[in-house]
């Protein structure tokens, strides 16, 4: 298979609300061999640009598990802010974990990326 056509993950804007101009965001890289290469960061930045610049969204939001430090780091690096959490909302591997809520506003995006 041609390396350039290899599916390594997916990302999407979902639950787009045209009235509130908001959307959810999700991303997954399926194979650990593709982690730590900047693909998740680049894909996230590209889809944020699409959401804010093409779809004219006002807000993009997501949830992330407390134990997923790699994802939380990427989200913070690109500009998402912590806005809340669902305490002990997930039971996994014998313990409860929080689910963090994060979002990114259009004005924050434009300030960070279009100066």
PDB file of N, CA and C in Angstrom:
ATOM      1  N   UNK A   1       0.840  -1.178   0.000  1.00  0.00           N
ATOM      2  CA  UNK A   1       0.000   0.000   0.000  1.00  0.00           C
ATOM      3  C   UNK A   1       0.887   1.245   0.000  1.00  0.00           C
ATOM      4  N   UNK A   2       0.492   2.231  -0.744  1.00  0.00           N
ATOM      5  CA  UNK A   2       1.207   3.504  -0.782  1.00  0.00           C
ATOM      6  C   UNK A   2       1.117   4.170   0.586  1.00  0.00           C
ATOM      7  N   UNK A   3       2.279   4.513   1.176  1.00  0.00           N
ATOM      8  CA  UNK A   3       2.332   5.115   2.513  1.00  0.00           C
ATOM      9  C   UNK A   3       1.444   6.352   2.628  1.00  0.00           C
ATOM     10  N   UNK A   4       1.352   7.156   1.569  1.00  0.00           N
ATOM     11  CA  UNK A   4       0.576   8.386   1.637  1.00  0.00           C
ATOM     12  C   UNK A   4      -0.926   8.139   1.699  1.00  0.00           C
ATOM     13  N   UNK A   5      -1.371   6.929   1.406  1.00  0.00           N
ATOM     14  CA  UNK A   5      -2.796   6.620   1.442  1.00  0.00           C
ATOM     15  C   UNK A   5      -3.173   5.754   2.635  1.00  0.00           C
ATOM     16  N   UNK A   6      -2.267   5.600   3.571  1.00  0.00           N
ATOM     17  CA  UNK A   6      -2.505   4.793   4.753  1.00  0.00           C
ATOM     18  C   UNK A   6      -3.378   5.555   5.742  1.00  0.00           C
ATOM     19  N   UNK A   7      -4.490   4.954   6.126  1.00  0.00           N
ATOM     20  CA  UNK A   7      -5.379   5.558   7.112  1.00  0.00           C
ATOM     21  C   UNK A   7      -4.766   5.372   8.495  1.00  0.00           C
ATOM     22  N   UNK A   8      -4.442   6.472   9.159  1.00  0.00           N
ATOM     23  CA  UNK A   8      -3.844   6.373  10.489  1.00  0.00           C
ATOM     24  C   UNK A   8      -4.791   6.836  11.588  1.00  0.00           C
ATOM     25  N   UNK A   9      -5.898   7.438  11.217  1.00  0.00           N
ATOM     26  CA  UNK A   9      -6.842   7.906  12.224  1.00  0.00           C
ATOM     27  C   UNK A   9      -7.997   8.649  11.589  1.00  0.00           C
ATOM     28  N   UNK A  10      -8.750   9.308  12.442  1.00  0.00           N
ATOM     29  CA  UNK A  10      -9.871  10.106  11.955  1.00  0.00           C
ATOM     30  C   UNK A  10     -10.118  11.260  12.918  1.00  0.00           C
ATOM     31  N   UNK A  11     -10.722  12.303  12.397  1.00  0.00           N
ATOM     32  CA  UNK A  11     -11.154  13.415  13.240  1.00  0.00           C
ATOM     33  C   UNK A  11     -12.394  14.010  12.599  1.00  0.00           C
ATOM     34  N   UNK A  12     -13.216  14.634  13.436  1.00  0.00           N
ATOM     35  CA  UNK A  12     -14.475  15.152  12.909  1.00  0.00           C
ATOM     36  C   UNK A  12     -15.044  16.242  13.797  1.00  0.00           C
ATOM     37  N   UNK A  13     -15.770  17.125  13.161  1.00  0.00           N
ATOM     38  CA  UNK A  13     -16.662  18.038  13.854  1.00  0.00           C
ATOM     39  C   UNK A  13     -18.022  17.357  13.852  1.00  0.00           C
ATOM     40  N   UNK A  14     -18.673  17.299  14.986  1.00  0.00           N
ATOM     41  CA  UNK A  14     -19.948  16.598  15.062  1.00  0.00           C
ATOM     42  C   UNK A  14     -20.957  17.424  15.854  1.00  0.00           C
ATOM     43  N   UNK A  15     -22.208  17.102  15.690  1.00  0.00           N
ATOM     44  CA  UNK A  15     -23.300  17.806  16.356  1.00  0.00           C
ATOM     45  C   UNK A  15     -23.224  19.311  16.087  1.00  0.00           C
ATOM     46  N   UNK A  16     -23.025  19.667  14.823  1.00  0.00           N
ATOM     47  CA  UNK A  16     -22.950  21.087  14.458  1.00  0.00           C
ATOM     48  C   UNK A  16     -24.321  21.725  14.682  1.00  0.00           C
ATOM     49  N   UNK A  17     -24.340  22.791  15.463  1.00  0.00           N
ATOM     50  CA  UNK A  17     -25.559  23.531  15.743  1.00  0.00           C
ATOM     51  C   UNK A  17     -25.452  24.872  15.026  1.00  0.00           C
ATOM     52  N   UNK A  18     -26.226  25.025  13.965  1.00  0.00           N
ATOM     53  CA  UNK A  18     -26.130  26.232  13.142  1.00  0.00           C
ATOM     54  C   UNK A  18     -26.662  27.475  13.853  1.00  0.00           C
ATOM     55  N   UNK A  19     -27.582  27.316  14.770  1.00  0.00           N
ATOM     56  CA  UNK A  19     -28.124  28.460  15.490  1.00  0.00           C
ATOM     57  C   UNK A  19     -27.099  28.973  16.507  1.00  0.00           C
ATOM     58  N   UNK A  20     -26.547  28.072  17.308  1.00  0.00           N
ATOM     59  CA  UNK A  20     -25.547  28.462  18.310  1.00  0.00           C
ATOM     60  C   UNK A  20     -24.145  28.583  17.718  1.00  0.00           C
ATOM     61  N   UNK A  21     -23.995  28.126  16.470  1.00  0.00           N
ATOM     62  CA  UNK A  21     -22.691  28.130  15.791  1.00  0.00           C
ATOM     63  C   UNK A  21     -21.645  27.402  16.641  1.00  0.00           C
ATOM     64  N   UNK A  22     -22.019  26.193  17.083  1.00  0.00           N
ATOM     65  CA  UNK A  22     -21.119  25.388  17.898  1.00  0.00           C
ATOM     66  C   UNK A  22     -21.061  23.966  17.361  1.00  0.00           C
ATOM     67  N   UNK A  23     -20.005  23.262  17.765  1.00  0.00           N
ATOM     68  CA  UNK A  23     -19.808  21.903  17.300  1.00  0.00           C
ATOM     69  C   UNK A  23     -18.959  21.134  18.300  1.00  0.00           C
ATOM     70  N   UNK A  24     -19.156  19.837  18.322  1.00  0.00           N
ATOM     71  CA  UNK A  24     -18.275  18.959  19.067  1.00  0.00           C
ATOM     72  C   UNK A  24     -17.081  18.593  18.200  1.00  0.00           C
ATOM     73  N   UNK A  25     -16.024  18.086  18.818  1.00  0.00           N
ATOM     74  CA  UNK A  25     -14.813  17.672  18.100  1.00  0.00           C
ATOM     75  C   UNK A  25     -14.330  16.355  18.684  1.00  0.00           C
ATOM     76  N   UNK A  26     -13.835  15.494  17.800  1.00  0.00           N
ATOM     77  CA  UNK A  26     -13.229  14.246  18.232  1.00  0.00           C
ATOM     78  C   UNK A  26     -12.123  13.834  17.293  1.00  0.00           C
ATOM     79  N   UNK A  27     -11.124  13.148  17.835  1.00  0.00           N
ATOM     80  CA  UNK A  27      -9.999  12.665  17.029  1.00  0.00           C
ATOM     81  C   UNK A  27      -9.496  11.355  17.617  1.00  0.00           C
ATOM     82  N   UNK A  28      -8.993  10.497  16.749  1.00  0.00           N
ATOM     83  CA  UNK A  28      -8.379   9.234  17.178  1.00  0.00           C
ATOM     84  C   UNK A  28      -7.268   8.871  16.204  1.00  0.00           C
ATOM     85  N   UNK A  29      -6.112   8.521  16.742  1.00  0.00           N
ATOM     86  CA  UNK A  29      -5.032   7.935  15.950  1.00  0.00           C
ATOM     87  C   UNK A  29      -5.006   6.461  16.323  1.00  0.00           C
ATOM     88  N   UNK A  30      -5.223   5.592  15.332  1.00  0.00           N
ATOM     89  CA  UNK A  30      -5.491   4.190  15.598  1.00  0.00           C
ATOM     90  C   UNK A  30      -4.268   3.358  15.961  1.00  0.00           C
ATOM     91  N   UNK A  31      -3.101   3.740  15.494  1.00  0.00           N
ATOM     92  CA  UNK A  31      -1.916   2.919  15.659  1.00  0.00           C
ATOM     93  C   UNK A  31      -0.854   3.706  16.420  1.00  0.00           C
ATOM     94  N   UNK A  32      -0.348   3.149  17.508  1.00  0.00           N
ATOM     95  CA  UNK A  32       0.651   3.833  18.333  1.00  0.00           C
ATOM     96  C   UNK A  32       1.920   4.171  17.555  1.00  0.00           C
ATOM     97  N   UNK A  33       2.166   3.486  16.459  1.00  0.00           N
ATOM     98  CA  UNK A  33       3.351   3.783  15.645  1.00  0.00           C
ATOM     99  C   UNK A  33       3.284   5.190  15.050  1.00  0.00           C
ATOM    100  N   UNK A  34       2.103   5.775  14.997  1.00  0.00           N
ATOM    101  CA  UNK A  34       1.932   7.114  14.439  1.00  0.00           C
ATOM    102  C   UNK A  34       1.784   8.196  15.513  1.00  0.00           C
ATOM    103  N   UNK A  35       1.918   7.800  16.777  1.00  0.00           N
ATOM    104  CA  UNK A  35       1.864   8.775  17.870  1.00  0.00           C
ATOM    105  C   UNK A  35       3.187   9.529  17.958  1.00  0.00           C
ATOM    106  N   UNK A  36       3.159  10.691  18.565  1.00  0.00           N
ATOM    107  CA  UNK A  36       4.359  11.515  18.806  1.00  0.00           C
ATOM    108  C   UNK A  36       5.041  11.990  17.532  1.00  0.00           C
ATOM    109  N   UNK A  37       4.282  12.123  16.464  1.00  0.00           N
ATOM    110  CA  UNK A  37       4.831  12.630  15.195  1.00  0.00           C
ATOM    111  C   UNK A  37       4.178  13.937  14.777  1.00  0.00           C
ATOM    112  N   UNK A  38       3.283  14.457  15.600  1.00  0.00           N
ATOM    113  CA  UNK A  38       2.623  15.721  15.311  1.00  0.00           C
ATOM    114  C   UNK A  38       1.374  15.604  14.457  1.00  0.00           C
ATOM    115  N   UNK A  39       0.992  14.379  14.085  1.00  0.00           N
ATOM    116  CA  UNK A  39      -0.189  14.210  13.225  1.00  0.00           C
ATOM    117  C   UNK A  39      -1.469  14.666  13.919  1.00  0.00           C
ATOM    118  N   UNK A  40      -1.623  14.317  15.200  1.00  0.00           N
ATOM    119  CA  UNK A  40      -2.823  14.715  15.930  1.00  0.00           C
ATOM    120  C   UNK A  40      -2.914  16.223  16.093  1.00  0.00           C
ATOM    121  N   UNK A  41      -1.785  16.852  16.391  1.00  0.00           N
ATOM    122  CA  UNK A  41      -1.756  18.308  16.520  1.00  0.00           C
ATOM    123  C   UNK A  41      -2.108  18.968  15.198  1.00  0.00           C
ATOM    124  N   UNK A  42      -1.486  18.511  14.119  1.00  0.00           N
ATOM    125  CA  UNK A  42      -1.751  19.113  12.802  1.00  0.00           C
ATOM    126  C   UNK A  42      -3.198  18.911  12.374  1.00  0.00           C
ATOM    127  N   UNK A  43      -3.719  17.704  12.554  1.00  0.00           N
ATOM    128  CA  UNK A  43      -5.105  17.433  12.170  1.00  0.00           C
ATOM    129  C   UNK A  43      -6.071  18.294  12.983  1.00  0.00           C
ATOM    130  N   UNK A  44      -5.787  18.446  14.277  1.00  0.00           N
ATOM    131  CA  UNK A  44      -6.639  19.266  15.130  1.00  0.00           C
ATOM    132  C   UNK A  44      -6.614  20.722  14.680  1.00  0.00           C
ATOM    133  N   UNK A  45      -5.435  21.246  14.402  1.00  0.00           N
ATOM    134  CA  UNK A  45      -5.329  22.631  13.934  1.00  0.00           C
ATOM    135  C   UNK A  45      -6.053  22.826  12.602  1.00  0.00           C
ATOM    136  N   UNK A  46      -5.935  21.861  11.702  1.00  0.00           N
ATOM    137  CA  UNK A  46      -6.600  21.980  10.401  1.00  0.00           C
ATOM    138  C   UNK A  46      -8.117  21.983  10.544  1.00  0.00           C
ATOM    139  N   UNK A  47      -8.637  21.090  11.364  1.00  0.00           N
ATOM    140  CA  UNK A  47     -10.098  21.031  11.492  1.00  0.00           C
ATOM    141  C   UNK A  47     -10.632  22.225  12.272  1.00  0.00           C
ATOM    142  N   UNK A  48      -9.842  22.762  13.211  1.00  0.00           N
ATOM    143  CA  UNK A  48     -10.251  23.994  13.883  1.00  0.00           C
ATOM    144  C   UNK A  48     -10.332  25.142  12.879  1.00  0.00           C
ATOM    145  N   UNK A  49      -9.344  25.230  11.999  1.00  0.00           N
ATOM    146  CA  UNK A  49      -9.366  26.260  10.962  1.00  0.00           C
ATOM    147  C   UNK A  49     -10.586  26.128  10.076  1.00  0.00           C
ATOM    148  N   UNK A  50     -10.912  24.910   9.702  1.00  0.00           N
ATOM    149  CA  UNK A  50     -12.098  24.677   8.887  1.00  0.00           C
ATOM    150  C   UNK A  50     -13.363  25.097   9.647  1.00  0.00           C
ATOM    151  N   UNK A  51     -13.454  24.700  10.893  1.00  0.00           N
ATOM    152  CA  UNK A  51     -14.642  25.026  11.680  1.00  0.00           C
ATOM    153  C   UNK A  51     -14.824  26.514  11.890  1.00  0.00           C
ATOM    154  N   UNK A  52     -13.747  27.200  12.221  1.00  0.00           N
ATOM    155  CA  UNK A  52     -13.869  28.631  12.502  1.00  0.00           C
ATOM    156  C   UNK A  52     -13.878  29.487  11.236  1.00  0.00           C
ATOM    157  N   UNK A  53     -13.116  29.102  10.237  1.00  0.00           N
ATOM    158  CA  UNK A  53     -12.997  29.939   9.034  1.00  0.00           C
ATOM    159  C   UNK A  53     -14.016  29.605   7.943  1.00  0.00           C
ATOM    160  N   UNK A  54     -14.321  28.333   7.715  1.00  0.00           N
ATOM    161  CA  UNK A  54     -15.254  27.960   6.650  1.00  0.00           C
ATOM    162  C   UNK A  54     -16.690  27.839   7.166  1.00  0.00           C
ATOM    163  N   UNK A  55     -16.845  27.203   8.323  1.00  0.00           N
ATOM    164  CA  UNK A  55     -18.195  27.001   8.853  1.00  0.00           C
ATOM    165  C   UNK A  55     -18.666  28.163   9.724  1.00  0.00           C
ATOM    166  N   UNK A  56     -17.779  29.093  10.010  1.00  0.00           N
ATOM    167  CA  UNK A  56     -18.096  30.269  10.827  1.00  0.00           C
ATOM    168  C   UNK A  56     -18.630  29.889  12.212  1.00  0.00           C
ATOM    169  N   UNK A  57     -18.020  28.856  12.815  1.00  0.00           N
ATOM    170  CA  UNK A  57     -18.430  28.449  14.146  1.00  0.00           C
ATOM    171  C   UNK A  57     -17.973  29.479  15.178  1.00  0.00           C
ATOM    172  N   UNK A  58     -18.696  29.543  16.266  1.00  0.00           N
ATOM    173  CA  UNK A  58     -18.344  30.417  17.387  1.00  0.00           C
ATOM    174  C   UNK A  58     -17.603  29.632  18.468  1.00  0.00           C
ATOM    175  N   UNK A  59     -17.932  28.332  18.608  1.00  0.00           N
ATOM    176  CA  UNK A  59     -17.379  27.514  19.688  1.00  0.00           C
ATOM    177  C   UNK A  59     -17.242  26.072  19.239  1.00  0.00           C
ATOM    178  N   UNK A  60     -16.117  25.454  19.596  1.00  0.00           N
ATOM    179  CA  UNK A  60     -15.894  24.026  19.372  1.00  0.00           C
ATOM    180  C   UNK A  60     -15.560  23.423  20.733  1.00  0.00           C
ATOM    181  N   UNK A  61     -16.221  22.316  21.069  1.00  0.00           N
ATOM    182  CA  UNK A  61     -16.058  21.714  22.393  1.00  0.00           C
ATOM    183  C   UNK A  61     -15.738  20.236  22.294  1.00  0.00           C
ATOM    184  N   UNK A  62     -15.220  19.696  23.390  1.00  0.00           N
ATOM    185  CA  UNK A  62     -14.883  18.273  23.438  1.00  0.00           C
ATOM    186  C   UNK A  62     -14.906  17.794  24.874  1.00  0.00           C
ATOM    187  N   UNK A  63     -14.878  16.470  25.030  1.00  0.00           N
ATOM    188  CA  UNK A  63     -14.645  15.848  26.325  1.00  0.00           C
ATOM    189  C   UNK A  63     -13.443  14.927  26.178  1.00  0.00           C
ATOM    190  N   UNK A  64     -12.700  14.784  27.271  1.00  0.00           N
ATOM    191  CA  UNK A  64     -11.509  13.937  27.256  1.00  0.00           C
ATOM    192  C   UNK A  64     -11.369  13.280  28.620  1.00  0.00           C
ATOM    193  N   UNK A  65     -10.985  12.004  28.618  1.00  0.00           N
ATOM    194  CA  UNK A  65     -10.825  11.271  29.864  1.00  0.00           C
ATOM    195  C   UNK A  65      -9.615  11.778  30.642  1.00  0.00           C
ATOM    196  N   UNK A  66      -9.745  11.809  31.944  1.00  0.00           N
ATOM    197  CA  UNK A  66      -8.680  12.277  32.837  1.00  0.00           C
ATOM    198  C   UNK A  66      -7.358  11.562  32.575  1.00  0.00           C
ATOM    199  N   UNK A  67      -7.400  10.264  32.308  1.00  0.00           N
ATOM    200  CA  UNK A  67      -6.167   9.491  32.128  1.00  0.00           C
ATOM    201  C   UNK A  67      -5.500   9.714  30.775  1.00  0.00           C
ATOM    202  N   UNK A  68      -6.166  10.395  29.840  1.00  0.00           N
ATOM    203  CA  UNK A  68      -5.612  10.586  28.496  1.00  0.00           C
ATOM    204  C   UNK A  68      -4.761  11.862  28.464  1.00  0.00           C
ATOM    205  N   UNK A  69      -3.625  11.796  29.126  1.00  0.00           N
ATOM    206  CA  UNK A  69      -2.755  12.963  29.246  1.00  0.00           C
ATOM    207  C   UNK A  69      -2.213  13.425  27.892  1.00  0.00           C
ATOM    208  N   UNK A  70      -1.958  12.501  26.998  1.00  0.00           N
ATOM    209  CA  UNK A  70      -1.442  12.846  25.667  1.00  0.00           C
ATOM    210  C   UNK A  70      -2.444  13.732  24.917  1.00  0.00           C
ATOM    211  N   UNK A  71      -3.701  13.343  24.923  1.00  0.00           N
ATOM    212  CA  UNK A  71      -4.725  14.132  24.235  1.00  0.00           C
ATOM    213  C   UNK A  71      -4.917  15.479  24.915  1.00  0.00           C
ATOM    214  N   UNK A  72      -4.968  15.482  26.247  1.00  0.00           N
ATOM    215  CA  UNK A  72      -5.152  16.745  26.969  1.00  0.00           C
ATOM    216  C   UNK A  72      -4.024  17.718  26.642  1.00  0.00           C
ATOM    217  N   UNK A  73      -2.805  17.219  26.542  1.00  0.00           N
ATOM    218  CA  UNK A  73      -1.665  18.073  26.199  1.00  0.00           C
ATOM    219  C   UNK A  73      -1.845  18.703  24.816  1.00  0.00           C
ATOM    220  N   UNK A  74      -2.248  17.896  23.841  1.00  0.00           N
ATOM    221  CA  UNK A  74      -2.460  18.411  22.480  1.00  0.00           C
ATOM    222  C   UNK A  74      -3.560  19.461  22.482  1.00  0.00           C
ATOM    223  N   UNK A  75      -4.668  19.174  23.133  1.00  0.00           N
ATOM    224  CA  UNK A  75      -5.785  20.124  23.150  1.00  0.00           C
ATOM    225  C   UNK A  75      -5.368  21.455  23.770  1.00  0.00           C
ATOM    226  N   UNK A  76      -4.642  21.394  24.876  1.00  0.00           N
ATOM    227  CA  UNK A  76      -4.164  22.628  25.510  1.00  0.00           C
ATOM    228  C   UNK A  76      -3.182  23.365  24.602  1.00  0.00           C
ATOM    229  N   UNK A  77      -2.298  22.620  23.951  1.00  0.00           N
ATOM    230  CA  UNK A  77      -1.293  23.232  23.084  1.00  0.00           C
ATOM    231  C   UNK A  77      -1.931  23.993  21.923  1.00  0.00           C
ATOM    232  N   UNK A  78      -2.983  23.436  21.340  1.00  0.00           N
ATOM    233  CA  UNK A  78      -3.602  24.113  20.197  1.00  0.00           C
ATOM    234  C   UNK A  78      -4.530  25.243  20.626  1.00  0.00           C
ATOM    235  N   UNK A  79      -4.949  25.264  21.910  1.00  0.00           N
ATOM    236  CA  UNK A  79      -5.740  26.403  22.374  1.00  0.00           C
ATOM    237  C   UNK A  79      -7.017  26.099  23.133  1.00  0.00           C
ATOM    238  N   UNK A  80      -7.392  24.832  23.273  1.00  0.00           N
ATOM    239  CA  UNK A  80      -8.591  24.518  24.041  1.00  0.00           C
ATOM    240  C   UNK A  80      -8.379  24.893  25.503  1.00  0.00           C
ATOM    241  N   UNK A  81      -9.461  25.313  26.150  1.00  0.00           N
ATOM    242  CA  UNK A  81      -9.449  25.692  27.560  1.00  0.00           C
ATOM    243  C   UNK A  81     -10.311  24.711  28.361  1.00  0.00           C
ATOM    244  N   UNK A  82      -9.882  24.411  29.583  1.00  0.00           N
ATOM    245  CA  UNK A  82     -10.691  23.593  30.492  1.00  0.00           C
ATOM    246  C   UNK A  82     -11.849  24.440  30.993  1.00  0.00           C
ATOM    247  N   UNK A  83     -13.065  23.928  30.851  1.00  0.00           N
ATOM    248  CA  UNK A  83     -14.234  24.678  31.296  1.00  0.00           C
ATOM    249  C   UNK A  83     -15.076  23.914  32.311  1.00  0.00           C
ATOM    250  N   UNK A  84     -14.729  22.661  32.568  1.00  0.00           N
ATOM    251  CA  UNK A  84     -15.489  21.896  33.548  1.00  0.00           C
ATOM    252  C   UNK A  84     -15.089  20.441  33.539  1.00  0.00           C
ATOM    253  N   UNK A  85     -15.769  19.682  34.368  1.00  0.00           N
ATOM    254  CA  UNK A  85     -15.508  18.247  34.386  1.00  0.00           C
ATOM    255  C   UNK A  85     -16.705  17.508  34.953  1.00  0.00           C
ATOM    256  N   UNK A  86     -16.816  16.274  34.512  1.00  0.00           N
ATOM    257  CA  UNK A  86     -17.796  15.346  35.059  1.00  0.00           C
ATOM    258  C   UNK A  86     -17.016  14.465  36.033  1.00  0.00           C
ATOM    259  N   UNK A  87     -17.273  14.648  37.309  1.00  0.00           N
ATOM    260  CA  UNK A  87     -16.479  13.964  38.329  1.00  0.00           C
ATOM    261  C   UNK A  87     -16.815  12.482  38.392  1.00  0.00           C
ATOM    262  N   UNK A  88     -15.757  11.674  38.402  1.00  0.00           N
ATOM    263  CA  UNK A  88     -15.865  10.216  38.534  1.00  0.00           C
ATOM    264  C   UNK A  88     -16.940   9.634  37.624  1.00  0.00           C
ATOM    265  N   UNK A  89     -16.938  10.063  36.385  1.00  0.00           N
ATOM    266  CA  UNK A  89     -17.987   9.682  35.433  1.00  0.00           C
ATOM    267  C   UNK A  89     -17.681   8.398  34.662  1.00  0.00           C
ATOM    268  N   UNK A  90     -16.457   7.916  34.751  1.00  0.00           N
ATOM    269  CA  UNK A  90     -16.066   6.713  34.017  1.00  0.00           C
ATOM    270  C   UNK A  90     -15.404   5.731  34.967  1.00  0.00           C
ATOM    271  N   UNK A  91     -15.856   4.478  34.947  1.00  0.00           N
ATOM    272  CA  UNK A  91     -15.201   3.431  35.721  1.00  0.00           C
ATOM    273  C   UNK A  91     -14.370   2.597  34.760  1.00  0.00           C
ATOM    274  N   UNK A  92     -13.058   2.537  35.011  1.00  0.00           N
ATOM    275  CA  UNK A  92     -12.154   1.794  34.118  1.00  0.00           C
ATOM    276  C   UNK A  92     -10.965   1.292  34.933  1.00  0.00           C
ATOM    277  N   UNK A  93     -10.607   0.054  34.709  1.00  0.00           N
ATOM    278  CA  UNK A  93      -9.453  -0.557  35.385  1.00  0.00           C
ATOM    279  C   UNK A  93      -9.527  -0.429  36.906  1.00  0.00           C
ATOM    280  N   UNK A  94     -10.716  -0.665  37.440  1.00  0.00           N
ATOM    281  CA  UNK A  94     -10.867  -0.725  38.881  1.00  0.00           C
ATOM    282  C   UNK A  94     -10.973   0.598  39.604  1.00  0.00           C
ATOM    283  N   UNK A  95     -11.109   1.697  38.867  1.00  0.00           N
ATOM    284  CA  UNK A  95     -11.250   2.988  39.550  1.00  0.00           C
ATOM    285  C   UNK A  95     -12.113   3.936  38.731  1.00  0.00           C
ATOM    286  N   UNK A  96     -12.532   5.008  39.368  1.00  0.00           N
ATOM    287  CA  UNK A  96     -13.317   6.037  38.703  1.00  0.00           C
ATOM    288  C   UNK A  96     -12.404   7.150  38.195  1.00  0.00           C
ATOM    289  N   UNK A  97     -12.761   7.676  37.028  1.00  0.00           N
ATOM    290  CA  UNK A  97     -11.996   8.760  36.390  1.00  0.00           C
ATOM    291  C   UNK A  97     -12.936   9.906  36.050  1.00  0.00           C
ATOM    292  N   UNK A  98     -12.387  11.119  36.094  1.00  0.00           N
ATOM    293  CA  UNK A  98     -13.135  12.295  35.659  1.00  0.00           C
ATOM    294  C   UNK A  98     -13.116  12.389  34.140  1.00  0.00           C
ATOM    295  N   UNK A  99     -14.115  13.060  33.599  1.00  0.00           N
ATOM    296  CA  UNK A  99     -14.138  13.410  32.179  1.00  0.00           C
ATOM    297  C   UNK A  99     -14.085  14.934  32.107  1.00  0.00           C
ATOM    298  N   UNK A 100     -13.054  15.447  31.476  1.00  0.00           N
ATOM    299  CA  UNK A 100     -12.872  16.895  31.361  1.00  0.00           C
ATOM    300  C   UNK A 100     -13.644  17.446  30.174  1.00  0.00           C
ATOM    301  N   UNK A 101     -14.181  18.634  30.343  1.00  0.00           N
ATOM    302  CA  UNK A 101     -14.869  19.361  29.279  1.00  0.00           C
ATOM    303  C   UNK A 101     -13.965  20.526  28.885  1.00  0.00           C
ATOM    304  N   UNK A 102     -13.715  20.667  27.585  1.00  0.00           N
ATOM    305  CA  UNK A 102     -12.860  21.732  27.078  1.00  0.00           C
ATOM    306  C   UNK A 102     -13.559  22.406  25.909  1.00  0.00           C
ATOM    307  N   UNK A 103     -13.240  23.679  25.684  1.00  0.00           N
ATOM    308  CA  UNK A 103     -13.762  24.344  24.497  1.00  0.00           C
ATOM    309  C   UNK A 103     -12.776  25.376  23.977  1.00  0.00           C
ATOM    310  N   UNK A 104     -13.082  25.870  22.788  1.00  0.00           N
ATOM    311  CA  UNK A 104     -12.242  26.847  22.094  1.00  0.00           C
ATOM    312  C   UNK A 104     -13.202  27.796  21.395  1.00  0.00           C
ATOM    313  N   UNK A 105     -13.063  29.093  21.658  1.00  0.00           N
ATOM    314  CA  UNK A 105     -13.936  30.089  21.044  1.00  0.00           C
ATOM    315  C   UNK A 105     -13.275  30.689  19.810  1.00  0.00           C
ATOM    316  N   UNK A 106     -14.090  31.153  18.886  1.00  0.00           N
ATOM    317  CA  UNK A 106     -13.580  31.731  17.636  1.00  0.00           C
ATOM    318  C   UNK A 106     -12.634  32.890  17.906  1.00  0.00           C
ATOM    319  N   UNK A 107     -12.969  33.763  18.834  1.00  0.00           N
ATOM    320  CA  UNK A 107     -12.100  34.920  19.110  1.00  0.00           C
ATOM    321  C   UNK A 107     -10.736  34.472  19.631  1.00  0.00           C
ATOM    322  N   UNK A 108     -10.706  33.403  20.419  1.00  0.00           N
ATOM    323  CA  UNK A 108      -9.435  32.859  20.907  1.00  0.00           C
ATOM    324  C   UNK A 108      -8.632  32.250  19.765  1.00  0.00           C
ATOM    325  N   UNK A 109      -9.348  31.536  18.888  1.00  0.00           N
ATOM    326  CA  UNK A 109      -8.690  30.933  17.729  1.00  0.00           C
ATOM    327  C   UNK A 109      -8.044  32.019  16.864  1.00  0.00           C
ATOM    328  N   UNK A 110      -8.797  33.046  16.523  1.00  0.00           N
ATOM    329  CA  UNK A 110      -8.272  34.103  15.631  1.00  0.00           C
ATOM    330  C   UNK A 110      -7.124  34.861  16.289  1.00  0.00           C
ATOM    331  N   UNK A 111      -7.200  35.051  17.578  1.00  0.00           N
ATOM    332  CA  UNK A 111      -6.110  35.720  18.278  1.00  0.00           C
ATOM    333  C   UNK A 111      -4.833  34.876  18.240  1.00  0.00           C
ATOM    334  N   UNK A 112      -4.979  33.567  18.362  1.00  0.00           N
ATOM    335  CA  UNK A 112      -3.822  32.668  18.388  1.00  0.00           C
ATOM    336  C   UNK A 112      -3.252  32.386  17.005  1.00  0.00           C
ATOM    337  N   UNK A 113      -4.132  32.272  15.990  1.00  0.00           N
ATOM    338  CA  UNK A 113      -3.681  31.770  14.686  1.00  0.00           C
ATOM    339  C   UNK A 113      -3.691  32.785  13.544  1.00  0.00           C
ATOM    340  N   UNK A 114      -4.306  33.938  13.687  1.00  0.00           N
ATOM    341  CA  UNK A 114      -4.385  34.830  12.539  1.00  0.00           C
ATOM    342  C   UNK A 114      -3.773  36.188  12.808  1.00  0.00           C
ATOM    343  N   UNK A 115      -2.744  36.236  13.608  1.00  0.00           N
ATOM    344  CA  UNK A 115      -2.060  37.509  13.856  1.00  0.00           C
ATOM    345  C   UNK A 115      -0.909  37.702  12.911  1.00  0.00           C
TER     346      UNK A 115
END
